[in-house]
Amino acid sequence: QVQLVESGGGLVQAGGSLRLSCVASGRSFGTSSVGWFRQAPGKEREFVAAINWSGSMTFSVDSVKGRFTISRDNAENTAALQMDSLKPEDTAVYYCAAGGHYTGPRSDPRDYAYWGQGTQVTVSS
């Protein structure tokens, strides 16, 4: 079992930055892949970025490449999503998720068994 709690969301102007944190409890976090997903009002949940269990591999959706950086610290049982150059279209509820022990990062939400409650990110123009 892994429990996840996100924090760090808020209101920011376009071009600004936010850092989302995900704190995990449970002994298996260090062997779990981690992903960040987001859901905007009226839209389906979409993949944002993922990192494999060791932190050696990351993957992100094209719309955030060069702006968002995913990271993790297994010693601290945490993961983070650094978001720079934010745009109004990044406005959404952001979710941290933990999944299985995969070699590479995973973008399919079905690969994640554990989810946080979400944190709201609002980017004003």
N, C-alpha and C. Protein backbone atom coordinates (compact mmCIF):
# COMPACT_ATOMS: atom_id res chain seq x y z
N GLN A 1 0.83 -1.20 0.00
CA GLN A 1 0.00 0.00 0.00
C GLN A 1 0.87 1.25 0.00
N VAL A 2 0.46 2.21 -0.80
CA VAL A 2 1.14 3.51 -0.84
C VAL A 2 0.08 4.59 -0.73
N GLN A 3 0.29 5.52 0.17
CA GLN A 3 -0.60 6.67 0.26
C GLN A 3 0.15 7.91 -0.18
N LEU A 4 -0.52 8.75 -0.96
CA LEU A 4 0.13 9.91 -1.56
C LEU A 4 -0.60 11.19 -1.19
N VAL A 5 0.17 12.23 -0.87
CA VAL A 5 -0.40 13.53 -0.55
C VAL A 5 0.34 14.59 -1.35
N GLU A 6 -0.42 15.30 -2.20
CA GLU A 6 0.19 16.37 -3.00
C GLU A 6 0.05 17.72 -2.29
N SER A 7 0.95 18.61 -2.63
CA SER A 7 0.87 19.98 -2.14
C SER A 7 1.63 20.87 -3.12
N GLY A 8 1.48 22.18 -2.93
CA GLY A 8 2.24 23.12 -3.75
C GLY A 8 1.44 23.82 -4.83
N GLY A 9 0.19 23.44 -4.99
CA GLY A 9 -0.62 24.11 -5.98
C GLY A 9 -0.97 25.53 -5.56
N GLY A 10 -1.57 26.28 -6.48
CA GLY A 10 -1.96 27.64 -6.15
C GLY A 10 -2.27 28.43 -7.39
N LEU A 11 -2.36 29.75 -7.21
CA LEU A 11 -2.66 30.69 -8.29
C LEU A 11 -1.37 31.40 -8.67
N VAL A 12 -1.07 31.41 -9.96
CA VAL A 12 0.15 32.05 -10.44
C VAL A 12 -0.14 32.71 -11.77
N GLN A 13 0.60 33.77 -12.07
CA GLN A 13 0.44 34.43 -13.35
C GLN A 13 1.17 33.66 -14.44
N ALA A 14 0.72 33.82 -15.65
CA ALA A 14 1.38 33.20 -16.80
C ALA A 14 2.86 33.59 -16.81
N GLY A 15 3.70 32.60 -17.08
CA GLY A 15 5.14 32.81 -17.05
C GLY A 15 5.78 32.49 -15.72
N GLY A 16 4.96 32.30 -14.71
CA GLY A 16 5.46 32.00 -13.37
C GLY A 16 5.79 30.54 -13.18
N SER A 17 6.14 30.21 -11.93
CA SER A 17 6.56 28.84 -11.60
C SER A 17 5.84 28.35 -10.36
N LEU A 18 5.69 27.05 -10.29
CA LEU A 18 5.20 26.36 -9.10
C LEU A 18 5.96 25.05 -8.98
N ARG A 19 6.09 24.59 -7.75
CA ARG A 19 6.69 23.28 -7.52
C ARG A 19 5.71 22.44 -6.73
N LEU A 20 5.24 21.37 -7.37
CA LEU A 20 4.33 20.44 -6.71
C LEU A 20 5.13 19.35 -6.01
N SER A 21 4.70 19.00 -4.82
CA SER A 21 5.34 17.94 -4.07
C SER A 21 4.36 16.80 -3.83
N CYS A 22 4.90 15.62 -3.76
CA CYS A 22 4.10 14.42 -3.49
C CYS A 22 4.84 13.64 -2.40
N VAL A 23 4.21 13.54 -1.24
CA VAL A 23 4.80 12.80 -0.13
C VAL A 23 4.11 11.46 -0.01
N ALA A 24 4.91 10.41 0.04
CA ALA A 24 4.35 9.05 0.05
C ALA A 24 4.61 8.37 1.38
N SER A 25 3.67 7.53 1.77
CA SER A 25 3.86 6.65 2.91
C SER A 25 3.69 5.23 2.41
N GLY A 26 4.46 4.32 2.95
CA GLY A 26 4.41 2.95 2.48
C GLY A 26 5.78 2.52 2.01
N ARG A 27 6.14 1.30 2.34
CA ARG A 27 7.50 0.83 2.08
C ARG A 27 7.79 0.60 0.61
N SER A 28 6.76 0.48 -0.23
CA SER A 28 7.01 0.13 -1.62
C SER A 28 7.22 1.33 -2.52
N PHE A 29 7.18 2.56 -1.98
CA PHE A 29 7.32 3.73 -2.85
C PHE A 29 8.64 3.72 -3.58
N GLY A 30 9.69 3.31 -2.93
CA GLY A 30 11.01 3.33 -3.54
C GLY A 30 11.16 2.40 -4.72
N THR A 31 10.26 1.46 -4.89
CA THR A 31 10.30 0.55 -6.03
C THR A 31 9.15 0.80 -7.00
N SER A 32 8.45 1.88 -6.80
CA SER A 32 7.28 2.19 -7.63
C SER A 32 7.60 3.27 -8.66
N SER A 33 7.03 3.13 -9.84
CA SER A 33 7.08 4.23 -10.80
C SER A 33 6.16 5.34 -10.29
N VAL A 34 6.44 6.56 -10.69
CA VAL A 34 5.64 7.71 -10.26
C VAL A 34 5.25 8.53 -11.48
N GLY A 35 4.01 8.98 -11.48
CA GLY A 35 3.54 9.81 -12.57
C GLY A 35 2.76 11.00 -12.05
N TRP A 36 2.73 12.04 -12.85
CA TRP A 36 1.87 13.20 -12.60
C TRP A 36 0.85 13.28 -13.74
N PHE A 37 -0.39 13.46 -13.36
CA PHE A 37 -1.47 13.61 -14.31
C PHE A 37 -2.23 14.89 -13.96
N ARG A 38 -3.04 15.37 -14.88
CA ARG A 38 -3.84 16.55 -14.60
C ARG A 38 -5.20 16.43 -15.25
N GLN A 39 -6.16 17.13 -14.67
CA GLN A 39 -7.50 17.14 -15.20
C GLN A 39 -8.06 18.55 -15.13
N ALA A 40 -8.35 19.09 -16.30
CA ALA A 40 -8.96 20.41 -16.39
C ALA A 40 -10.47 20.27 -16.39
N PRO A 41 -11.20 21.32 -16.02
CA PRO A 41 -12.66 21.24 -15.99
C PRO A 41 -13.23 20.82 -17.34
N GLY A 42 -14.10 19.83 -17.32
CA GLY A 42 -14.74 19.38 -18.54
C GLY A 42 -13.89 18.52 -19.43
N LYS A 43 -12.68 18.18 -18.98
CA LYS A 43 -11.78 17.37 -19.79
C LYS A 43 -11.40 16.10 -19.06
N GLU A 44 -10.90 15.15 -19.82
CA GLU A 44 -10.45 13.89 -19.22
C GLU A 44 -9.07 14.08 -18.58
N ARG A 45 -8.78 13.20 -17.64
CA ARG A 45 -7.46 13.23 -17.01
C ARG A 45 -6.41 12.92 -18.05
N GLU A 46 -5.31 13.67 -18.04
CA GLU A 46 -4.26 13.44 -19.03
C GLU A 46 -2.90 13.30 -18.35
N PHE A 47 -2.05 12.57 -19.01
CA PHE A 47 -0.69 12.33 -18.53
C PHE A 47 0.14 13.60 -18.68
N VAL A 48 1.00 13.85 -17.69
CA VAL A 48 1.89 15.00 -17.74
C VAL A 48 3.36 14.55 -17.79
N ALA A 49 3.76 13.78 -16.80
CA ALA A 49 5.16 13.36 -16.73
C ALA A 49 5.27 12.13 -15.84
N ALA A 50 6.33 11.35 -16.06
CA ALA A 50 6.54 10.14 -15.27
C ALA A 50 8.02 9.91 -15.07
N ILE A 51 8.33 9.15 -14.02
CA ILE A 51 9.70 8.82 -13.69
C ILE A 51 9.73 7.37 -13.22
N ASN A 52 10.76 6.65 -13.61
CA ASN A 52 10.79 5.24 -13.22
C ASN A 52 11.22 5.10 -11.76
N TRP A 53 11.24 3.88 -11.26
CA TRP A 53 11.42 3.65 -9.83
C TRP A 53 12.76 4.17 -9.31
N SER A 54 13.80 4.12 -10.14
CA SER A 54 15.12 4.53 -9.68
C SER A 54 15.40 6.01 -9.92
N GLY A 55 14.57 6.64 -10.73
CA GLY A 55 14.82 8.03 -11.08
C GLY A 55 15.75 8.21 -12.26
N SER A 56 16.13 7.12 -12.90
CA SER A 56 17.09 7.20 -14.00
C SER A 56 16.45 7.55 -15.34
N MET A 57 15.15 7.43 -15.42
CA MET A 57 14.46 7.70 -16.68
C MET A 57 13.21 8.53 -16.42
N THR A 58 12.99 9.52 -17.28
CA THR A 58 11.79 10.34 -17.19
C THR A 58 11.16 10.47 -18.58
N PHE A 59 9.91 10.84 -18.58
CA PHE A 59 9.17 11.03 -19.82
C PHE A 59 8.08 12.04 -19.56
N SER A 60 7.84 12.93 -20.52
CA SER A 60 6.77 13.90 -20.35
C SER A 60 6.05 14.14 -21.66
N VAL A 61 4.86 14.66 -21.53
CA VAL A 61 4.06 14.95 -22.72
C VAL A 61 4.67 16.16 -23.44
N ASP A 62 4.51 16.22 -24.75
CA ASP A 62 5.16 17.25 -25.55
C ASP A 62 4.81 18.67 -25.09
N SER A 63 3.58 18.86 -24.63
CA SER A 63 3.14 20.22 -24.29
C SER A 63 3.86 20.80 -23.08
N VAL A 64 4.55 19.96 -22.29
CA VAL A 64 5.25 20.48 -21.12
C VAL A 64 6.76 20.28 -21.22
N LYS A 65 7.22 19.66 -22.28
CA LYS A 65 8.67 19.44 -22.44
C LYS A 65 9.40 20.78 -22.43
N GLY A 66 10.50 20.80 -21.69
CA GLY A 66 11.28 22.03 -21.59
C GLY A 66 10.76 23.00 -20.55
N ARG A 67 9.57 22.75 -19.99
CA ARG A 67 8.98 23.62 -18.98
C ARG A 67 8.81 22.91 -17.63
N PHE A 68 8.43 21.65 -17.66
CA PHE A 68 8.19 20.87 -16.44
C PHE A 68 9.30 19.85 -16.25
N THR A 69 9.67 19.64 -14.99
CA THR A 69 10.69 18.64 -14.66
C THR A 69 10.19 17.77 -13.52
N ILE A 70 10.19 16.47 -13.74
CA ILE A 70 9.79 15.53 -12.70
C ILE A 70 11.04 15.00 -12.01
N SER A 71 10.94 14.77 -10.70
CA SER A 71 12.07 14.24 -9.95
C SER A 71 11.53 13.43 -8.77
N ARG A 72 12.42 12.71 -8.12
CA ARG A 72 12.02 11.94 -6.94
C ARG A 72 13.21 11.80 -6.01
N ASP A 73 12.92 11.56 -4.75
CA ASP A 73 13.92 11.30 -3.74
C ASP A 73 13.44 10.10 -2.95
N ASN A 74 13.96 8.93 -3.27
CA ASN A 74 13.48 7.71 -2.63
C ASN A 74 13.86 7.65 -1.15
N ALA A 75 14.94 8.30 -0.80
CA ALA A 75 15.34 8.31 0.61
C ALA A 75 14.33 9.08 1.46
N GLU A 76 13.69 10.08 0.84
CA GLU A 76 12.71 10.90 1.54
C GLU A 76 11.27 10.49 1.22
N ASN A 77 11.10 9.51 0.34
CA ASN A 77 9.75 9.08 -0.08
C ASN A 77 8.95 10.25 -0.67
N THR A 78 9.60 11.00 -1.52
CA THR A 78 8.93 12.14 -2.14
C THR A 78 9.15 12.17 -3.65
N ALA A 79 8.26 12.86 -4.32
CA ALA A 79 8.41 13.15 -5.74
C ALA A 79 8.00 14.61 -5.94
N ALA A 80 8.43 15.18 -7.03
CA ALA A 80 8.13 16.59 -7.27
C ALA A 80 7.92 16.84 -8.75
N LEU A 81 7.19 17.89 -9.03
CA LEU A 81 7.01 18.36 -10.41
C LEU A 81 7.29 19.86 -10.40
N GLN A 82 8.44 20.24 -10.94
CA GLN A 82 8.80 21.64 -11.07
C GLN A 82 8.19 22.16 -12.36
N MET A 83 7.37 23.20 -12.22
CA MET A 83 6.65 23.74 -13.39
C MET A 83 7.08 25.18 -13.61
N ASP A 84 7.72 25.42 -14.72
CA ASP A 84 8.19 26.77 -15.09
C ASP A 84 7.47 27.23 -16.34
N SER A 85 7.55 28.54 -16.59
CA SER A 85 6.92 29.13 -17.78
C SER A 85 5.47 28.67 -17.93
N LEU A 86 4.74 28.75 -16.86
CA LEU A 86 3.36 28.27 -16.84
C LEU A 86 2.48 29.06 -17.78
N LYS A 87 1.52 28.35 -18.35
CA LYS A 87 0.58 28.94 -19.30
C LYS A 87 -0.84 28.74 -18.77
N PRO A 88 -1.78 29.58 -19.19
CA PRO A 88 -3.17 29.40 -18.74
C PRO A 88 -3.71 28.00 -19.04
N GLU A 89 -3.28 27.40 -20.13
CA GLU A 89 -3.75 26.05 -20.46
C GLU A 89 -3.20 24.97 -19.55
N ASP A 90 -2.29 25.32 -18.65
CA ASP A 90 -1.81 24.37 -17.65
C ASP A 90 -2.75 24.30 -16.44
N THR A 91 -3.75 25.16 -16.41
CA THR A 91 -4.71 25.17 -15.30
C THR A 91 -5.44 23.83 -15.22
N ALA A 92 -5.37 23.21 -14.05
CA ALA A 92 -5.98 21.88 -13.85
C ALA A 92 -5.76 21.45 -12.40
N VAL A 93 -6.41 20.38 -12.04
CA VAL A 93 -6.07 19.68 -10.80
C VAL A 93 -4.97 18.67 -11.15
N TYR A 94 -3.90 18.71 -10.41
CA TYR A 94 -2.75 17.83 -10.67
C TYR A 94 -2.72 16.70 -9.64
N TYR A 95 -2.51 15.50 -10.16
CA TYR A 95 -2.51 14.30 -9.33
C TYR A 95 -1.17 13.59 -9.41
N CYS A 96 -0.70 13.14 -8.28
CA CYS A 96 0.47 12.28 -8.20
C CYS A 96 -0.03 10.83 -8.13
N ALA A 97 0.68 9.93 -8.81
CA ALA A 97 0.28 8.53 -8.81
C ALA A 97 1.51 7.64 -8.69
N ALA A 98 1.33 6.51 -8.05
CA ALA A 98 2.41 5.54 -7.90
C ALA A 98 1.97 4.20 -8.47
N GLY A 99 2.88 3.54 -9.17
CA GLY A 99 2.51 2.30 -9.83
C GLY A 99 3.51 1.19 -9.58
N GLY A 100 3.61 0.28 -10.54
CA GLY A 100 4.43 -0.90 -10.37
C GLY A 100 5.91 -0.65 -10.58
N HIS A 101 6.66 -1.73 -10.46
CA HIS A 101 8.12 -1.68 -10.58
C HIS A 101 8.50 -1.89 -12.04
N TYR A 102 8.33 -0.84 -12.85
CA TYR A 102 8.62 -0.93 -14.28
C TYR A 102 10.01 -0.40 -14.59
N THR A 103 10.59 -0.91 -15.65
CA THR A 103 11.92 -0.44 -16.03
C THR A 103 11.89 1.02 -16.45
N GLY A 104 10.88 1.37 -17.24
CA GLY A 104 10.79 2.73 -17.74
C GLY A 104 9.59 3.48 -17.19
N PRO A 105 9.53 4.80 -17.41
CA PRO A 105 8.37 5.59 -16.96
C PRO A 105 7.13 5.21 -17.75
N ARG A 106 5.98 5.33 -17.11
CA ARG A 106 4.72 4.89 -17.70
C ARG A 106 3.76 6.06 -17.85
N SER A 107 3.09 6.15 -18.99
CA SER A 107 2.15 7.24 -19.24
C SER A 107 0.69 6.81 -19.16
N ASP A 108 0.44 5.52 -19.07
CA ASP A 108 -0.93 5.00 -19.03
C ASP A 108 -1.43 5.03 -17.60
N PRO A 109 -2.52 5.73 -17.30
CA PRO A 109 -3.02 5.78 -15.92
C PRO A 109 -3.39 4.40 -15.37
N ARG A 110 -3.64 3.43 -16.25
CA ARG A 110 -3.97 2.08 -15.76
C ARG A 110 -2.76 1.39 -15.14
N ASP A 111 -1.58 1.93 -15.34
CA ASP A 111 -0.37 1.35 -14.73
C ASP A 111 -0.14 1.85 -13.31
N TYR A 112 -1.04 2.70 -12.83
CA TYR A 112 -0.88 3.29 -11.51
C TYR A 112 -2.02 2.83 -10.59
N ALA A 113 -1.65 2.24 -9.47
CA ALA A 113 -2.64 1.72 -8.54
C ALA A 113 -2.99 2.72 -7.43
N TYR A 114 -2.10 3.65 -7.16
CA TYR A 114 -2.29 4.57 -6.04
C TYR A 114 -2.29 6.01 -6.53
N TRP A 115 -3.23 6.80 -6.01
CA TRP A 115 -3.41 8.17 -6.43
C TRP A 115 -3.57 9.09 -5.23
N GLY A 116 -3.06 10.30 -5.36
CA GLY A 116 -3.29 11.31 -4.35
C GLY A 116 -4.63 11.99 -4.57
N GLN A 117 -4.93 12.94 -3.72
CA GLN A 117 -6.22 13.61 -3.78
C GLN A 117 -6.25 14.77 -4.76
N GLY A 118 -5.08 15.19 -5.21
CA GLY A 118 -5.00 16.27 -6.19
C GLY A 118 -4.73 17.62 -5.57
N THR A 119 -4.11 18.49 -6.35
CA THR A 119 -3.86 19.86 -5.91
C THR A 119 -4.15 20.79 -7.09
N GLN A 120 -4.85 21.88 -6.82
CA GLN A 120 -5.30 22.78 -7.88
C GLN A 120 -4.18 23.73 -8.30
N VAL A 121 -3.99 23.82 -9.60
CA VAL A 121 -3.07 24.79 -10.18
C VAL A 121 -3.88 25.70 -11.11
N THR A 122 -3.81 26.99 -10.86
CA THR A 122 -4.53 27.96 -11.68
C THR A 122 -3.55 28.99 -12.21
N VAL A 123 -3.51 29.13 -13.52
CA VAL A 123 -2.59 30.07 -14.16
C VAL A 123 -3.42 31.17 -14.82
N SER A 124 -3.22 32.39 -14.37
CA SER A 124 -3.98 33.51 -14.93
C SER A 124 -3.19 34.16 -16.07
N SER A 125 -3.95 34.70 -17.01
CA SER A 125 -3.31 35.33 -18.18
C SER A 125 -3.03 36.80 -17.94
